[in-house]
PDB file of N, CA and C in Angstrom:
ATOM      1  N   MET A   1       7.417  22.547  -6.434  1.00  0.00           N
ATOM      2  CA  MET A   1       6.684  20.976  -5.344  1.00  0.00           C
ATOM      3  C   MET A   1       7.931  20.218  -6.356  1.00  0.00           C
ATOM      4  N   SER A   2       8.118  19.457  -5.465  1.00  0.00           N
ATOM      5  CA  SER A   2       8.999  18.209  -6.230  1.00  0.00           C
ATOM      6  C   SER A   2       8.269  17.305  -6.203  1.00  0.00           C
ATOM      7  N   LYS A   3       8.823  15.954  -6.524  1.00  0.00           N
ATOM      8  CA  LYS A   3       7.563  15.019  -6.720  1.00  0.00           C
ATOM      9  C   LYS A   3       7.542  14.671  -5.644  1.00  0.00           C
ATOM     10  N   ARG A   4       6.883  13.493  -4.584  1.00  0.00           N
ATOM     11  CA  ARG A   4       7.546  12.849  -3.601  1.00  0.00           C
ATOM     12  C   ARG A   4       7.866  11.438  -3.942  1.00  0.00           C
ATOM     13  N   GLN A   5       8.614  11.114  -2.908  1.00  0.00           N
ATOM     14  CA  GLN A   5       8.667   9.756  -3.348  1.00  0.00           C
ATOM     15  C   GLN A   5       8.611   8.989  -2.184  1.00  0.00           C
ATOM     16  N   VAL A   6       8.078   7.561  -3.306  1.00  0.00           N
ATOM     17  CA  VAL A   6       7.074   7.528  -2.972  1.00  0.00           C
ATOM     18  C   VAL A   6       6.815   5.035  -3.530  1.00  0.00           C
ATOM     19  N   GLN A   7       8.108   4.337  -2.551  1.00  0.00           N
ATOM     20  CA  GLN A   7       7.823   3.655  -3.561  1.00  0.00           C
ATOM     21  C   GLN A   7       7.506   2.406  -3.271  1.00  0.00           C
ATOM     22  N   VAL A   8       7.254   0.820  -3.787  1.00  0.00           N
ATOM     23  CA  VAL A   8       6.293  -0.136  -3.247  1.00  0.00           C
ATOM     24  C   VAL A   8       7.177  -1.217  -3.354  1.00  0.00           C
ATOM     25  N   ARG A   9       7.403  -2.014  -2.149  1.00  0.00           N
ATOM     26  CA  ARG A   9       7.969  -3.524  -1.975  1.00  0.00           C
ATOM     27  C   ARG A   9       7.110  -4.304  -1.877  1.00  0.00           C
ATOM     28  N   ARG A  10       7.650  -5.130  -1.304  1.00  0.00           N
ATOM     29  CA  ARG A  10       7.271  -6.686  -0.415  1.00  0.00           C
ATOM     30  C   ARG A  10       8.048  -6.765   0.744  1.00  0.00           C
ATOM     31  N   VAL A  11       6.870  -6.850   1.563  1.00  0.00           N
ATOM     32  CA  VAL A  11       7.131  -6.504   2.563  1.00  0.00           C
ATOM     33  C   VAL A  11       8.084  -7.709   2.890  1.00  0.00           C
ATOM     34  N   TYR A  12       8.668  -9.001   2.305  1.00  0.00           N
ATOM     35  CA  TYR A  12       9.680  -9.503   3.322  1.00  0.00           C
ATOM     36  C   TYR A  12      11.218  -9.621   2.730  1.00  0.00           C
ATOM     37  N   ASP A  13      11.033  -8.590   1.673  1.00  0.00           N
ATOM     38  CA  ASP A  13      12.409  -7.892   1.360  1.00  0.00           C
ATOM     39  C   ASP A  13      13.090  -7.005   2.596  1.00  0.00           C
ATOM     40  N   ALA A  14      14.409  -8.286   2.580  1.00  0.00           N
ATOM     41  CA  ALA A  14      15.272  -7.259   3.171  1.00  0.00           C
ATOM     42  C   ALA A  14      14.983  -5.397   3.102  1.00  0.00           C
ATOM     43  N   PRO A  15      15.081  -4.213   4.725  1.00  0.00           N
ATOM     44  CA  PRO A  15      14.327  -3.165   4.679  1.00  0.00           C
ATOM     45  C   PRO A  15      15.613  -2.808   3.744  1.00  0.00           C
ATOM     46  N   GLU A  16      15.547  -1.328   3.436  1.00  0.00           N
ATOM     47  CA  GLU A  16      16.688   0.178   2.803  1.00  0.00           C
ATOM     48  C   GLU A  16      16.906   0.984   3.502  1.00  0.00           C
ATOM     49  N   SER A  17      18.408   1.505   3.584  1.00  0.00           N
ATOM     50  CA  SER A  17      18.204   3.249   4.417  1.00  0.00           C
ATOM     51  C   SER A  17      17.484   3.987   3.839  1.00  0.00           C
ATOM     52  N   THR A  18      16.777   3.892   2.164  1.00  0.00           N
ATOM     53  CA  THR A  18      16.032   4.629   1.748  1.00  0.00           C
ATOM     54  C   THR A  18      14.910   4.544   1.601  1.00  0.00           C
ATOM     55  N   ASP A  19      14.787   3.344   2.949  1.00  0.00           N
ATOM     56  CA  ASP A  19      12.604   3.114   2.460  1.00  0.00           C
ATOM     57  C   ASP A  19      11.941   4.971   3.387  1.00  0.00           C
ATOM     58  N   GLY A  20      12.844   5.348   3.825  1.00  0.00           N
ATOM     59  CA  GLY A  20      11.781   6.101   4.518  1.00  0.00           C
ATOM     60  C   GLY A  20      11.170   5.330   5.705  1.00  0.00           C
ATOM     61  N   SER A  21       9.097   6.437   5.713  1.00  0.00           N
ATOM     62  CA  SER A  21       8.613   5.630   6.305  1.00  0.00           C
ATOM     63  C   SER A  21       8.180   3.857   6.124  1.00  0.00           C
ATOM     64  N   ARG A  22       8.316   2.531   6.587  1.00  0.00           N
ATOM     65  CA  ARG A  22       7.616   2.103   6.039  1.00  0.00           C
ATOM     66  C   ARG A  22       6.569   1.431   6.535  1.00  0.00           C
ATOM     67  N   VAL A  23       5.593   1.146   5.424  1.00  0.00           N
ATOM     68  CA  VAL A  23       3.826   1.712   6.263  1.00  0.00           C
ATOM     69  C   VAL A  23       3.408   0.184   4.919  1.00  0.00           C
ATOM     70  N   LEU A  24       2.847  -0.873   5.984  1.00  0.00           N
ATOM     71  CA  LEU A  24       2.133  -1.903   5.491  1.00  0.00           C
ATOM     72  C   LEU A  24       0.582  -1.847   5.147  1.00  0.00           C
ATOM     73  N   VAL A  25       0.262  -1.907   3.879  1.00  0.00           N
ATOM     74  CA  VAL A  25      -1.152  -1.113   3.028  1.00  0.00           C
ATOM     75  C   VAL A  25      -1.903  -2.436   3.309  1.00  0.00           C
ATOM     76  N   ASP A  26      -1.937  -3.982   3.035  1.00  0.00           N
ATOM     77  CA  ASP A  26      -2.201  -4.991   3.866  1.00  0.00           C
ATOM     78  C   ASP A  26      -2.891  -5.245   4.976  1.00  0.00           C
ATOM     79  N   ARG A  27      -4.417  -5.896   4.854  1.00  0.00           N
ATOM     80  CA  ARG A  27      -5.212  -6.074   5.580  1.00  0.00           C
ATOM     81  C   ARG A  27      -5.085  -7.578   6.636  1.00  0.00           C
ATOM     82  N   LEU A  28      -4.846  -7.549   6.479  1.00  0.00           N
ATOM     83  CA  LEU A  28      -3.837  -9.085   6.713  1.00  0.00           C
ATOM     84  C   LEU A  28      -2.317  -9.345   6.822  1.00  0.00           C
ATOM     85  N   TRP A  29      -1.626  -9.606   7.887  1.00  0.00           N
ATOM     86  CA  TRP A  29      -0.033  -9.832   8.013  1.00  0.00           C
ATOM     87  C   TRP A  29       0.667 -10.865   7.446  1.00  0.00           C
ATOM     88  N   PRO A  30       1.394 -10.900   6.806  1.00  0.00           N
ATOM     89  CA  PRO A  30       2.170 -11.125   5.937  1.00  0.00           C
ATOM     90  C   PRO A  30       2.524 -13.275   7.050  1.00  0.00           C
ATOM     91  N   ARG A  31       2.260 -13.963   6.214  1.00  0.00           N
ATOM     92  CA  ARG A  31       2.886 -14.446   6.864  1.00  0.00           C
ATOM     93  C   ARG A  31       3.844 -15.761   7.326  1.00  0.00           C
ATOM     94  N   GLY A  32       4.243 -15.693   7.955  1.00  0.00           N
ATOM     95  CA  GLY A  32       5.831 -16.519   8.232  1.00  0.00           C
ATOM     96  C   GLY A  32       6.892 -15.097   8.857  1.00  0.00           C
ATOM     97  N   LEU A  33       6.300 -13.585   9.081  1.00  0.00           N
ATOM     98  CA  LEU A  33       6.870 -13.311   8.683  1.00  0.00           C
ATOM     99  C   LEU A  33       6.561 -11.781  10.573  1.00  0.00           C
ATOM    100  N   SER A  34       7.646 -12.072  11.314  1.00  0.00           N
ATOM    101  CA  SER A  34       7.607 -11.427  13.139  1.00  0.00           C
ATOM    102  C   SER A  34       7.578  -8.900  12.188  1.00  0.00           C
ATOM    103  N   LYS A  35       7.457  -9.022  13.322  1.00  0.00           N
ATOM    104  CA  LYS A  35       6.627  -8.257  13.113  1.00  0.00           C
ATOM    105  C   LYS A  35       8.664  -6.851  13.540  1.00  0.00           C
ATOM    106  N   GLU A  36       8.981  -8.021  14.669  1.00  0.00           N
ATOM    107  CA  GLU A  36      10.804  -7.227  13.982  1.00  0.00           C
ATOM    108  C   GLU A  36      11.335  -6.914  12.973  1.00  0.00           C
ATOM    109  N   ARG A  37      10.682  -8.638  11.643  1.00  0.00           N
ATOM    110  CA  ARG A  37      11.909  -8.896  10.395  1.00  0.00           C
ATOM    111  C   ARG A  37      11.469  -7.550   9.711  1.00  0.00           C
ATOM    112  N   ALA A  38       9.777  -7.433   9.608  1.00  0.00           N
ATOM    113  CA  ALA A  38       9.286  -7.067   8.838  1.00  0.00           C
ATOM    114  C   ALA A  38       9.276  -4.658   9.263  1.00  0.00           C
ATOM    115  N   ARG A  39      10.401  -4.213  10.723  1.00  0.00           N
ATOM    116  CA  ARG A  39      10.503  -2.959  10.521  1.00  0.00           C
ATOM    117  C   ARG A  39       9.280  -2.538   9.837  1.00  0.00           C
ATOM    118  N   LEU A  40       8.409  -2.089  10.735  1.00  0.00           N
ATOM    119  CA  LEU A  40       7.509  -0.853   9.934  1.00  0.00           C
ATOM    120  C   LEU A  40       7.195   0.104  11.104  1.00  0.00           C
ATOM    121  N   ASP A  41       7.295   0.615  10.150  1.00  0.00           N
ATOM    122  CA  ASP A  41       6.713   2.658  10.756  1.00  0.00           C
ATOM    123  C   ASP A  41       5.287   2.420  11.137  1.00  0.00           C
ATOM    124  N   ASP A  42       4.100   1.534  10.274  1.00  0.00           N
ATOM    125  CA  ASP A  42       3.409   1.710  10.025  1.00  0.00           C
ATOM    126  C   ASP A  42       2.664   1.068   9.635  1.00  0.00           C
ATOM    127  N   TRP A  43       0.724  -0.001  10.244  1.00  0.00           N
ATOM    128  CA  TRP A  43       0.247  -0.247   9.354  1.00  0.00           C
ATOM    129  C   TRP A  43      -0.693  -0.568   9.699  1.00  0.00           C
ATOM    130  N   LEU A  44      -1.890  -0.245   7.635  1.00  0.00           N
ATOM    131  CA  LEU A  44      -3.201   0.492   7.820  1.00  0.00           C
ATOM    132  C   LEU A  44      -3.850  -0.242   7.916  1.00  0.00           C
ATOM    133  N   LYS A  45      -4.997  -1.084   7.324  1.00  0.00           N
ATOM    134  CA  LYS A  45      -5.674  -1.892   7.918  1.00  0.00           C
ATOM    135  C   LYS A  45      -6.135  -1.634   7.325  1.00  0.00           C
ATOM    136  N   GLN A  46      -6.853  -0.699   8.054  1.00  0.00           N
ATOM    137  CA  GLN A  46      -8.267   0.766   7.359  1.00  0.00           C
ATOM    138  C   GLN A  46      -7.925   0.404   5.555  1.00  0.00           C
ATOM    139  N   ILE A  47      -6.485   1.130   4.886  1.00  0.00           N
ATOM    140  CA  ILE A  47      -6.352   1.684   3.686  1.00  0.00           C
ATOM    141  C   ILE A  47      -6.604   0.103   2.466  1.00  0.00           C
ATOM    142  N   SER A  48      -6.792  -1.196   2.890  1.00  0.00           N
ATOM    143  CA  SER A  48      -6.718  -1.781   2.144  1.00  0.00           C
ATOM    144  C   SER A  48      -8.671  -1.886   1.957  1.00  0.00           C
ATOM    145  N   PRO A  49      -8.465  -3.064   0.656  1.00  0.00           N
ATOM    146  CA  PRO A  49      -9.412  -2.869  -0.820  1.00  0.00           C
ATOM    147  C   PRO A  49     -10.307  -3.147   0.471  1.00  0.00           C
ATOM    148  N   SER A  50     -11.644  -3.527  -0.192  1.00  0.00           N
ATOM    149  CA  SER A  50     -12.741  -4.492   0.776  1.00  0.00           C
ATOM    150  C   SER A  50     -12.284  -6.138  -0.186  1.00  0.00           C
ATOM    151  N   THR A  51     -12.936  -6.799   1.297  1.00  0.00           N
ATOM    152  CA  THR A  51     -12.981  -8.340   1.308  1.00  0.00           C
ATOM    153  C   THR A  51     -13.498  -8.862  -0.162  1.00  0.00           C
ATOM    154  N   GLU A  52     -14.579  -7.627  -0.586  1.00  0.00           N
ATOM    155  CA  GLU A  52     -15.478  -7.888  -1.900  1.00  0.00           C
ATOM    156  C   GLU A  52     -14.517  -7.632  -3.333  1.00  0.00           C
ATOM    157  N   LEU A  53     -13.287  -7.053  -2.999  1.00  0.00           N
ATOM    158  CA  LEU A  53     -12.980  -6.226  -4.207  1.00  0.00           C
ATOM    159  C   LEU A  53     -11.920  -6.594  -4.256  1.00  0.00           C
ATOM    160  N   ARG A  54     -11.438  -7.733  -3.298  1.00  0.00           N
ATOM    161  CA  ARG A  54      -9.771  -8.143  -3.210  1.00  0.00           C
ATOM    162  C   ARG A  54     -10.012  -9.420  -3.874  1.00  0.00           C
ATOM    163  N   GLU A  55     -11.226 -10.586  -3.336  1.00  0.00           N
ATOM    164  CA  GLU A  55     -11.918 -11.593  -3.876  1.00  0.00           C
ATOM    165  C   GLU A  55     -12.542 -11.147  -5.597  1.00  0.00           C
ATOM    166  N   TRP A  56     -12.865 -10.477  -6.607  1.00  0.00           N
ATOM    167  CA  TRP A  56     -12.967 -10.130  -7.124  1.00  0.00           C
ATOM    168  C   TRP A  56     -11.841 -10.308  -7.858  1.00  0.00           C
ATOM    169  N   TYR A  57     -11.025  -9.195  -8.285  1.00  0.00           N
ATOM    170  CA  TYR A  57      -9.773  -9.087  -7.867  1.00  0.00           C
ATOM    171  C   TYR A  57      -8.491 -10.101  -8.784  1.00  0.00           C
ATOM    172  N   SER A  58      -8.206 -10.718  -7.201  1.00  0.00           N
ATOM    173  CA  SER A  58      -7.714 -11.983  -6.659  1.00  0.00           C
ATOM    174  C   SER A  58      -6.958 -12.203  -7.663  1.00  0.00           C
ATOM    175  N   HIS A  59      -6.012 -10.625  -7.724  1.00  0.00           N
ATOM    176  CA  HIS A  59      -4.531 -10.716  -8.314  1.00  0.00           C
ATOM    177  C   HIS A  59      -4.021 -10.906 -10.040  1.00  0.00           C
ATOM    178  N   ASP A  60      -5.658 -10.667 -10.334  1.00  0.00           N
ATOM    179  CA  ASP A  60      -5.093 -10.593 -11.804  1.00  0.00           C
ATOM    180  C   ASP A  60      -5.558  -9.829 -13.102  1.00  0.00           C
ATOM    181  N   PRO A  61      -3.936  -9.829 -13.127  1.00  0.00           N
ATOM    182  CA  PRO A  61      -3.492  -9.396 -14.212  1.00  0.00           C
ATOM    183  C   PRO A  61      -4.199  -8.627 -15.389  1.00  0.00           C
ATOM    184  N   ASP A  62      -5.361  -9.199 -16.011  1.00  0.00           N
ATOM    185  CA  ASP A  62      -6.000  -9.043 -17.008  1.00  0.00           C
ATOM    186  C   ASP A  62      -7.447  -7.868 -16.561  1.00  0.00           C
ATOM    187  N   ARG A  63      -7.485  -7.933 -15.039  1.00  0.00           N
ATOM    188  CA  ARG A  63      -8.717  -7.199 -14.099  1.00  0.00           C
ATOM    189  C   ARG A  63      -8.308  -5.971 -13.304  1.00  0.00           C
ATOM    190  N   TYR A  64      -6.526  -5.772 -13.621  1.00  0.00           N
ATOM    191  CA  TYR A  64      -6.074  -4.845 -13.013  1.00  0.00           C
ATOM    192  C   TYR A  64      -6.353  -3.565 -12.479  1.00  0.00           C
ATOM    193  N   ALA A  65      -6.614  -2.372 -14.455  1.00  0.00           N
ATOM    194  CA  ALA A  65      -7.592  -1.524 -14.046  1.00  0.00           C
ATOM    195  C   ALA A  65      -8.864  -1.305 -13.678  1.00  0.00           C
ATOM    196  N   GLY A  66      -9.521  -2.662 -13.950  1.00  0.00           N
ATOM    197  CA  GLY A  66     -11.321  -2.521 -13.114  1.00  0.00           C
ATOM    198  C   GLY A  66     -10.506  -2.885 -11.764  1.00  0.00           C
ATOM    199  N   PHE A  67      -9.524  -3.050 -11.265  1.00  0.00           N
ATOM    200  CA  PHE A  67      -9.461  -2.741  -9.837  1.00  0.00           C
ATOM    201  C   PHE A  67      -9.208  -1.768  -9.666  1.00  0.00           C
ATOM    202  N   ALA A  68      -7.825  -1.020 -10.122  1.00  0.00           N
ATOM    203  CA  ALA A  68      -7.632   0.590  -9.352  1.00  0.00           C
ATOM    204  C   ALA A  68      -8.629   0.986  -9.964  1.00  0.00           C
ATOM    205  N   GLU A  69      -9.185   0.926 -11.163  1.00  0.00           N
ATOM    206  CA  GLU A  69     -10.812   2.180 -10.174  1.00  0.00           C
ATOM    207  C   GLU A  69     -11.757   2.098  -9.532  1.00  0.00           C
ATOM    208  N   ARG A  70     -11.710   0.990  -9.440  1.00  0.00           N
ATOM    209  CA  ARG A  70     -13.137   1.047  -8.111  1.00  0.00           C
ATOM    210  C   ARG A  70     -12.509   0.308  -7.118  1.00  0.00           C
ATOM    211  N   TYR A  71     -10.970   0.617  -6.602  1.00  0.00           N
ATOM    212  CA  TYR A  71     -10.507   0.430  -5.470  1.00  0.00           C
ATOM    213  C   TYR A  71     -10.384   2.013  -5.248  1.00  0.00           C
ATOM    214  N   ARG A  72      -9.657   2.883  -6.242  1.00  0.00           N
ATOM    215  CA  ARG A  72     -10.081   3.796  -5.811  1.00  0.00           C
ATOM    216  C   ARG A  72     -11.200   5.159  -5.481  1.00  0.00           C
ATOM    217  N   ALA A  73     -12.335   4.338  -5.466  1.00  0.00           N
ATOM    218  CA  ALA A  73     -13.243   4.394  -5.641  1.00  0.00           C
ATOM    219  C   ALA A  73     -13.536   4.672  -4.120  1.00  0.00           C
ATOM    220  N   GLU A  74     -13.558   3.237  -3.544  1.00  0.00           N
ATOM    221  CA  GLU A  74     -13.541   2.520  -2.643  1.00  0.00           C
ATOM    222  C   GLU A  74     -12.027   3.544  -1.036  1.00  0.00           C
ATOM    223  N   LEU A  75     -11.003   4.152  -2.096  1.00  0.00           N
ATOM    224  CA  LEU A  75     -10.280   4.578  -1.126  1.00  0.00           C
ATOM    225  C   LEU A  75     -11.254   6.765  -0.884  1.00  0.00           C
ATOM    226  N   GLU A  76     -12.046   6.826  -1.243  1.00  0.00           N
ATOM    227  CA  GLU A  76     -13.268   7.814  -1.279  1.00  0.00           C
ATOM    228  C   GLU A  76     -14.029   7.753   0.299  1.00  0.00           C
ATOM    229  N   GLU A  77     -14.155   7.062   0.715  1.00  0.00           N
ATOM    230  CA  GLU A  77     -14.883   6.797   1.583  1.00  0.00           C
ATOM    231  C   GLU A  77     -14.262   7.351   3.471  1.00  0.00           C
ATOM    232  N   PRO A  78     -15.132   7.394   4.414  1.00  0.00           N
ATOM    233  CA  PRO A  78     -14.708   8.493   4.821  1.00  0.00           C
ATOM    234  C   PRO A  78     -13.111   7.413   5.895  1.00  0.00           C
ATOM    235  N   GLU A  79     -13.217   6.416   6.618  1.00  0.00           N
ATOM    236  CA  GLU A  79     -12.154   5.533   7.026  1.00  0.00           C
ATOM    237  C   GLU A  79     -10.875   5.652   6.226  1.00  0.00           C
ATOM    238  N   ARG A  80     -11.170   5.366   4.974  1.00  0.00           N
ATOM    239  CA  ARG A  80      -9.858   5.110   3.679  1.00  0.00           C
ATOM    240  C   ARG A  80      -9.595   6.405   3.422  1.00  0.00           C
ATOM    241  N   ALA A  81     -10.214   7.019   3.300  1.00  0.00           N
ATOM    242  CA  ALA A  81      -9.602   8.430   2.650  1.00  0.00           C
ATOM    243  C   ALA A  81      -9.481   8.957   4.319  1.00  0.00           C
ATOM    244  N   GLU A  82      -8.942   8.856   5.463  1.00  0.00           N
ATOM    245  CA  GLU A  82      -8.449   8.907   6.674  1.00  0.00           C
ATOM    246  C   GLU A  82      -7.239   8.798   6.225  1.00  0.00           C
ATOM    247  N   ALA A  83      -6.863   7.825   6.296  1.00  0.00           N
ATOM    248  CA  ALA A  83      -6.106   6.313   6.093  1.00  0.00           C
ATOM    249  C   ALA A  83      -5.391   7.005   5.324  1.00  0.00           C
ATOM    250  N   LEU A  84      -5.207   7.486   3.575  1.00  0.00           N
ATOM    251  CA  LEU A  84      -4.614   8.632   2.861  1.00  0.00           C
ATOM    252  C   LEU A  84      -3.934   9.417   2.727  1.00  0.00           C
ATOM    253  N   ASP A  85      -4.601   9.948   3.510  1.00  0.00           N
ATOM    254  CA  ASP A  85      -4.629  11.599   4.070  1.00  0.00           C
ATOM    255  C   ASP A  85      -3.641  11.205   4.743  1.00  0.00           C
ATOM    256  N   HIS A  86      -3.532  10.639   6.034  1.00  0.00           N
ATOM    257  CA  HIS A  86      -1.910  10.133   6.890  1.00  0.00           C
ATOM    258  C   HIS A  86      -1.065   9.605   5.306  1.00  0.00           C
ATOM    259  N   LEU A  87      -0.944   9.034   4.639  1.00  0.00           N
ATOM    260  CA  LEU A  87       0.649   8.675   3.711  1.00  0.00           C
ATOM    261  C   LEU A  87       0.552  10.010   3.184  1.00  0.00           C
ATOM    262  N   ARG A  88      -0.093  10.916   2.554  1.00  0.00           N
ATOM    263  CA  ARG A  88       0.271  11.641   1.864  1.00  0.00           C
ATOM    264  C   ARG A  88       0.982  12.396   3.068  1.00  0.00           C
ATOM    265  N   ALA A  89       0.644  12.368   4.069  1.00  0.00           N
ATOM    266  CA  ALA A  89       1.548  13.518   5.664  1.00  0.00           C
ATOM    267  C   ALA A  89       3.021  12.612   6.301  1.00  0.00           C
ATOM    268  N   LEU A  90       2.746  11.892   5.486  1.00  0.00           N
ATOM    269  CA  LEU A  90       4.390  10.711   5.431  1.00  0.00           C
ATOM    270  C   LEU A  90       4.922  10.676   4.624  1.00  0.00           C
ATOM    271  N   ALA A  91       4.681  10.779   3.579  1.00  0.00           N
ATOM    272  CA  ALA A  91       5.096  11.194   1.763  1.00  0.00           C
ATOM    273  C   ALA A  91       5.772  12.714   1.983  1.00  0.00           C
ATOM    274  N   GLY A  92       4.951  13.160   2.596  1.00  0.00           N
ATOM    275  CA  GLY A  92       5.212  15.183   2.579  1.00  0.00           C
ATOM    276  C   GLY A  92       6.505  15.589   2.914  1.00  0.00           C
ATOM    277  N   ARG A  93       6.993  14.416   4.698  1.00  0.00           N
ATOM    278  CA  ARG A  93       7.738  14.586   5.587  1.00  0.00           C
ATOM    279  C   ARG A  93       9.235  13.560   5.003  1.00  0.00           C
ATOM    280  N   GLY A  94       8.839  13.286   3.582  1.00  0.00           N
ATOM    281  CA  GLY A  94      10.304  12.291   3.522  1.00  0.00           C
ATOM    282  C   GLY A  94      10.068  11.052   2.609  1.00  0.00           C
ATOM    283  N   PRO A  95      11.121  10.585   2.702  1.00  0.00           N
ATOM    284  CA  PRO A  95      10.632   8.625   1.586  1.00  0.00           C
ATOM    285  C   PRO A  95       8.849   7.974   2.146  1.00  0.00           C
ATOM    286  N   LEU A  96       8.889   7.701   0.995  1.00  0.00           N
ATOM    287  CA  LEU A  96       7.178   6.081   2.126  1.00  0.00           C
ATOM    288  C   LEU A  96       7.309   4.919   0.837  1.00  0.00           C
ATOM    289  N   THR A  97       7.935   4.454   1.786  1.00  0.00           N
ATOM    290  CA  THR A  97       8.256   3.207   1.313  1.00  0.00           C
ATOM    291  C   THR A  97       6.882   1.737   1.432  1.00  0.00           C
ATOM    292  N   LEU A  98       5.419   1.312   0.296  1.00  0.00           N
ATOM    293  CA  LEU A  98       4.157   0.984   0.625  1.00  0.00           C
ATOM    294  C   LEU A  98       4.871  -0.274   0.419  1.00  0.00           C
ATOM    295  N   LEU A  99       4.084  -0.859   1.794  1.00  0.00           N
ATOM    296  CA  LEU A  99       4.305  -2.223   1.737  1.00  0.00           C
ATOM    297  C   LEU A  99       3.894  -3.374   1.500  1.00  0.00           C
ATOM    298  N   THR A 100       3.669  -4.862   0.877  1.00  0.00           N
ATOM    299  CA  THR A 100       2.951  -5.140   0.523  1.00  0.00           C
ATOM    300  C   THR A 100       3.356  -6.729   0.447  1.00  0.00           C
ATOM    301  N   ALA A 101       2.529  -7.710   0.930  1.00  0.00           N
ATOM    302  CA  ALA A 101       2.844  -9.182   0.143  1.00  0.00           C
ATOM    303  C   ALA A 101       2.753  -9.145  -0.313  1.00  0.00           C
ATOM    304  N   THR A 102       2.155  -8.733  -0.975  1.00  0.00           N
ATOM    305  CA  THR A 102       1.280 -10.080  -2.576  1.00  0.00           C
ATOM    306  C   THR A 102       2.702  -9.717  -3.016  1.00  0.00           C
ATOM    307  N   LYS A 103       2.999 -10.987  -4.340  1.00  0.00           N
ATOM    308  CA  LYS A 103       3.901 -11.488  -4.839  1.00  0.00           C
ATOM    309  C   LYS A 103       4.047 -10.690  -5.454  1.00  0.00           C
ATOM    310  N   ARG A 104       3.030  -9.901  -6.738  1.00  0.00           N
ATOM    311  CA  ARG A 104       3.261  -9.164  -8.025  1.00  0.00           C
ATOM    312  C   ARG A 104       2.792  -7.580  -7.226  1.00  0.00           C
ATOM    313  N   SER A 105       3.692  -7.205  -6.569  1.00  0.00           N
ATOM    314  CA  SER A 105       3.231  -5.836  -5.838  1.00  0.00           C
ATOM    315  C   SER A 105       3.111  -4.298  -7.090  1.00  0.00           C
ATOM    316  N   ASP A 106       3.669  -5.150  -8.343  1.00  0.00           N
ATOM    317  CA  ASP A 106       3.476  -4.618  -9.318  1.00  0.00           C
ATOM    318  C   ASP A 106       2.072  -3.781  -9.578  1.00  0.00           C
ATOM    319  N   ILE A 107       0.556  -5.092  -9.478  1.00  0.00           N
ATOM    320  CA  ILE A 107      -0.161  -4.509  -9.276  1.00  0.00           C
ATOM    321  C   ILE A 107      -1.280  -5.131  -8.597  1.00  0.00           C
ATOM    322  N   SER A 108      -0.267  -4.031  -7.073  1.00  0.00           N
ATOM    323  CA  SER A 108      -1.417  -4.331  -5.801  1.00  0.00           C
ATOM    324  C   SER A 108      -1.800  -3.005  -5.603  1.00  0.00           C
ATOM    325  N   GLU A 109      -2.892  -3.086  -4.679  1.00  0.00           N
ATOM    326  CA  GLU A 109      -3.340  -1.899  -3.322  1.00  0.00           C
ATOM    327  C   GLU A 109      -2.182  -0.655  -3.774  1.00  0.00           C
ATOM    328  N   ALA A 110      -1.328  -1.650  -3.684  1.00  0.00           N
ATOM    329  CA  ALA A 110       0.046  -0.451  -3.049  1.00  0.00           C
ATOM    330  C   ALA A 110       1.000   0.377  -3.830  1.00  0.00           C
ATOM    331  N   ALA A 111       0.183  -1.021  -5.392  1.00  0.00           N
ATOM    332  CA  ALA A 111       0.888   0.265  -6.822  1.00  0.00           C
ATOM    333  C   ALA A 111      -0.389   1.668  -6.493  1.00  0.00           C
ATOM    334  N   VAL A 112      -1.383   1.034  -6.319  1.00  0.00           N
ATOM    335  CA  VAL A 112      -2.617   2.483  -6.677  1.00  0.00           C
ATOM    336  C   VAL A 112      -2.497   3.313  -5.926  1.00  0.00           C
ATOM    337  N   LEU A 113      -1.685   2.765  -4.132  1.00  0.00           N
ATOM    338  CA  LEU A 113      -1.873   3.867  -4.146  1.00  0.00           C
ATOM    339  C   LEU A 113      -0.705   4.905  -4.317  1.00  0.00           C
ATOM    340  N   ALA A 114       0.652   4.345  -4.282  1.00  0.00           N
ATOM    341  CA  ALA A 114       1.643   4.734  -4.872  1.00  0.00           C
ATOM    342  C   ALA A 114       1.484   6.070  -5.591  1.00  0.00           C
ATOM    343  N   ASP A 115       0.605   5.125  -7.183  1.00  0.00           N
ATOM    344  CA  ASP A 115       0.155   6.103  -8.136  1.00  0.00           C
ATOM    345  C   ASP A 115      -0.555   7.979  -7.790  1.00  0.00           C
ATOM    346  N   LEU A 116      -1.449   7.332  -6.470  1.00  0.00           N
ATOM    347  CA  LEU A 116      -2.062   8.336  -6.238  1.00  0.00           C
ATOM    348  C   LEU A 116      -0.966   9.536  -5.352  1.00  0.00           C
ATOM    349  N   LEU A 117      -0.430   9.210  -4.563  1.00  0.00           N
ATOM    350  CA  LEU A 117       0.215   9.633  -3.764  1.00  0.00           C
ATOM    351  C   LEU A 117       2.064  10.828  -3.888  1.00  0.00           C
ATOM    352  N   GLY A 118       1.809  10.058  -5.359  1.00  0.00           N
ATOM    353  CA  GLY A 118       3.342  10.492  -6.813  1.00  0.00           C
ATOM    354  C   GLY A 118       2.926  11.676  -7.375  1.00  0.00           C
TER     355      GLY A 118
END
């Protein structure tokens, strides 16, 4: 079985022909971005980390490993697990791009998800 094509990009970046399915994985809609410009195939708010985890993490690079571990545990909760299964199905059909509004997508929930799906 070949490795799935899952990539992480900022939602503010222009869509590319290689994106495949484009899924926003943030809980909040990105500031100043129209739905037309975002060109999303799906928005899975329910897969985003809990408010408590997001506030604790605060995108501090030194806390990323702890964030990733705690977020993986949250992904076992029924609603998030169902959303993760949906992403797995999308990734099984072709390229998948996980989108986030965070400035450092490499240390975001999208990066954790891409690692799990890849």
